[in-house]
Amino acid sequence: MNDSVKKVGGVLIEEVPIEKSFRKKDGKWQEILKAMEVGQSFVIDETEDKSMSQMTAIRASAKGLGMKVRGIKISEYARRVQRTE
């Protein structure tokens, strides 16, 4: 074993440089929201999304970017998402 690796309690402890996390890249909703101006909107399909998880994810993404959005139900299975700030 070299100096950068030691074994404690059966576990190898190594000195390895930490790479950039894959989680640091923008998600789908963040990319869309960044491309939008205040007042612009898009429509999401909620056919198989009874719990509004898409809208929840969009709101969380907007909040993380310092933006605000609102969702307006336009039919039983569609919602318009508008950037308000």
C-alpha atoms as a PDB file:
ATOM      1  CA  MET A   1       0.000   0.000   0.000  1.00  0.00           C
ATOM      2  CA  ASN A   2       1.236   3.460  -0.795  1.00  0.00           C
ATOM      3  CA  ASP A   3       0.890   6.572   1.407  1.00  0.00           C
ATOM      4  CA  SER A   4      -2.398   7.715  -0.190  1.00  0.00           C
ATOM      5  CA  VAL A   5      -4.164   4.419   0.623  1.00  0.00           C
ATOM      6  CA  LYS A   6      -4.727   2.959   4.058  1.00  0.00           C
ATOM      7  CA  LYS A   7      -6.870   0.178   5.396  1.00  0.00           C
ATOM      8  CA  VAL A   8      -8.981   0.688   8.506  1.00  0.00           C
ATOM      9  CA  GLY A   9     -11.404  -1.928   9.771  1.00  0.00           C
ATOM     10  CA  GLY A  10     -11.332  -3.786   6.452  1.00  0.00           C
ATOM     11  CA  VAL A  11     -12.159  -0.639   4.437  1.00  0.00           C
ATOM     12  CA  LEU A  12      -9.720   0.945   1.997  1.00  0.00           C
ATOM     13  CA  ILE A  13      -9.411   4.706   2.427  1.00  0.00           C
ATOM     14  CA  GLU A  14      -8.005   6.417  -0.659  1.00  0.00           C
ATOM     15  CA  GLU A  15      -7.055   9.944  -1.618  1.00  0.00           C
ATOM     16  CA  VAL A  16      -8.891  10.418  -4.904  1.00  0.00           C
ATOM     17  CA  PRO A  17      -9.667  13.775  -6.539  1.00  0.00           C
ATOM     18  CA  ILE A  18     -13.388  14.493  -6.550  1.00  0.00           C
ATOM     19  CA  GLU A  19     -14.884  14.937  -9.998  1.00  0.00           C
ATOM     20  CA  LYS A  20     -17.662  17.357 -10.833  1.00  0.00           C
ATOM     21  CA  SER A  21     -21.036  15.829  -9.998  1.00  0.00           C
ATOM     22  CA  PHE A  22     -23.392  14.888 -12.812  1.00  0.00           C
ATOM     23  CA  ARG A  23     -26.123  16.496 -10.712  1.00  0.00           C
ATOM     24  CA  LYS A  24     -24.648  19.943 -11.277  1.00  0.00           C
ATOM     25  CA  LYS A  25     -25.899  20.101 -14.854  1.00  0.00           C
ATOM     26  CA  ASP A  26     -29.228  21.730 -15.585  1.00  0.00           C
ATOM     27  CA  GLY A  27     -32.289  19.547 -15.772  1.00  0.00           C
ATOM     28  CA  LYS A  28     -34.910  19.593 -18.500  1.00  0.00           C
ATOM     29  CA  TRP A  29     -37.151  22.151 -16.795  1.00  0.00           C
ATOM     30  CA  GLN A  30     -34.244  24.434 -15.865  1.00  0.00           C
ATOM     31  CA  GLU A  31     -33.085  24.551 -19.484  1.00  0.00           C
ATOM     32  CA  ILE A  32     -36.602  25.416 -20.655  1.00  0.00           C
ATOM     33  CA  LEU A  33     -37.120  28.069 -17.968  1.00  0.00           C
ATOM     34  CA  LYS A  34     -33.745  29.722 -18.676  1.00  0.00           C
ATOM     35  CA  ALA A  35     -34.742  30.076 -22.338  1.00  0.00           C
ATOM     36  CA  MET A  36     -37.997  31.844 -21.427  1.00  0.00           C
ATOM     37  CA  GLU A  37     -38.710  35.534 -20.893  1.00  0.00           C
ATOM     38  CA  VAL A  38     -41.259  36.838 -18.383  1.00  0.00           C
ATOM     39  CA  GLY A  39     -44.740  36.421 -19.869  1.00  0.00           C
ATOM     40  CA  GLN A  40     -43.853  33.471 -22.116  1.00  0.00           C
ATOM     41  CA  SER A  41     -45.501  30.096 -21.561  1.00  0.00           C
ATOM     42  CA  PHE A  42     -45.627  26.460 -22.648  1.00  0.00           C
ATOM     43  CA  VAL A  43     -48.132  23.625 -22.317  1.00  0.00           C
ATOM     44  CA  ILE A  44     -47.537  20.372 -20.433  1.00  0.00           C
ATOM     45  CA  ASP A  45     -49.454  17.147 -20.989  1.00  0.00           C
ATOM     46  CA  GLU A  46     -50.933  15.819 -17.741  1.00  0.00           C
ATOM     47  CA  THR A  47     -52.669  12.789 -19.234  1.00  0.00           C
ATOM     48  CA  GLU A  48     -50.767  10.415 -16.950  1.00  0.00           C
ATOM     49  CA  ASP A  49     -49.810  12.909 -14.236  1.00  0.00           C
ATOM     50  CA  LYS A  50     -52.743  13.010 -11.815  1.00  0.00           C
ATOM     51  CA  SER A  51     -50.517  14.089  -8.884  1.00  0.00           C
ATOM     52  CA  MET A  52     -49.173  17.190 -10.701  1.00  0.00           C
ATOM     53  CA  SER A  53     -45.583  15.990 -10.268  1.00  0.00           C
ATOM     54  CA  GLN A  54     -44.513  17.797 -13.453  1.00  0.00           C
ATOM     55  CA  MET A  55     -45.868  21.095 -12.173  1.00  0.00           C
ATOM     56  CA  THR A  56     -44.207  20.526  -8.798  1.00  0.00           C
ATOM     57  CA  ALA A  57     -40.864  19.876 -10.523  1.00  0.00           C
ATOM     58  CA  ILE A  58     -41.279  22.974 -12.710  1.00  0.00           C
ATOM     59  CA  ARG A  59     -42.046  25.170  -9.684  1.00  0.00           C
ATOM     60  CA  ALA A  60     -39.030  23.781  -7.795  1.00  0.00           C
ATOM     61  CA  SER A  61     -36.780  24.410 -10.806  1.00  0.00           C
ATOM     62  CA  ALA A  62     -38.100  27.949 -11.161  1.00  0.00           C
ATOM     63  CA  LYS A  63     -37.567  28.654  -7.480  1.00  0.00           C
ATOM     64  CA  GLY A  64     -33.990  27.393  -7.723  1.00  0.00           C
ATOM     65  CA  LEU A  65     -33.394  29.827 -10.577  1.00  0.00           C
ATOM     66  CA  GLY A  66     -35.008  32.724  -8.704  1.00  0.00           C
ATOM     67  CA  MET A  67     -38.041  32.736 -11.005  1.00  0.00           C
ATOM     68  CA  LYS A  68     -41.761  32.329 -10.462  1.00  0.00           C
ATOM     69  CA  VAL A  69     -44.229  30.440 -12.620  1.00  0.00           C
ATOM     70  CA  ARG A  70     -47.937  29.756 -12.523  1.00  0.00           C
ATOM     71  CA  GLY A  71     -49.898  26.869 -13.926  1.00  0.00           C
ATOM     72  CA  ILE A  72     -53.254  27.433 -15.578  1.00  0.00           C
ATOM     73  CA  LYS A  73     -55.422  24.401 -16.319  1.00  0.00           C
ATOM     74  CA  ILE A  74     -56.568  24.670 -19.948  1.00  0.00           C
ATOM     75  CA  SER A  75     -58.246  21.277 -20.261  1.00  0.00           C
ATOM     76  CA  GLU A  76     -58.715  18.085 -18.293  1.00  0.00           C
ATOM     77  CA  TYR A  77     -55.277  16.834 -19.410  1.00  0.00           C
ATOM     78  CA  ALA A  78     -53.250  19.983 -20.139  1.00  0.00           C
ATOM     79  CA  ARG A  79     -51.836  22.884 -18.183  1.00  0.00           C
ATOM     80  CA  ARG A  80     -50.226  26.111 -19.441  1.00  0.00           C
ATOM     81  CA  VAL A  81     -47.114  27.075 -17.481  1.00  0.00           C
ATOM     82  CA  GLN A  82     -46.323  30.795 -17.586  1.00  0.00           C
ATOM     83  CA  ARG A  83     -43.202  32.522 -16.292  1.00  0.00           C
ATOM     84  CA  THR A  84     -44.342  35.469 -14.155  1.00  0.00           C
ATOM     85  CA  GLU A  85     -41.009  36.693 -12.697  1.00  0.00           C
END
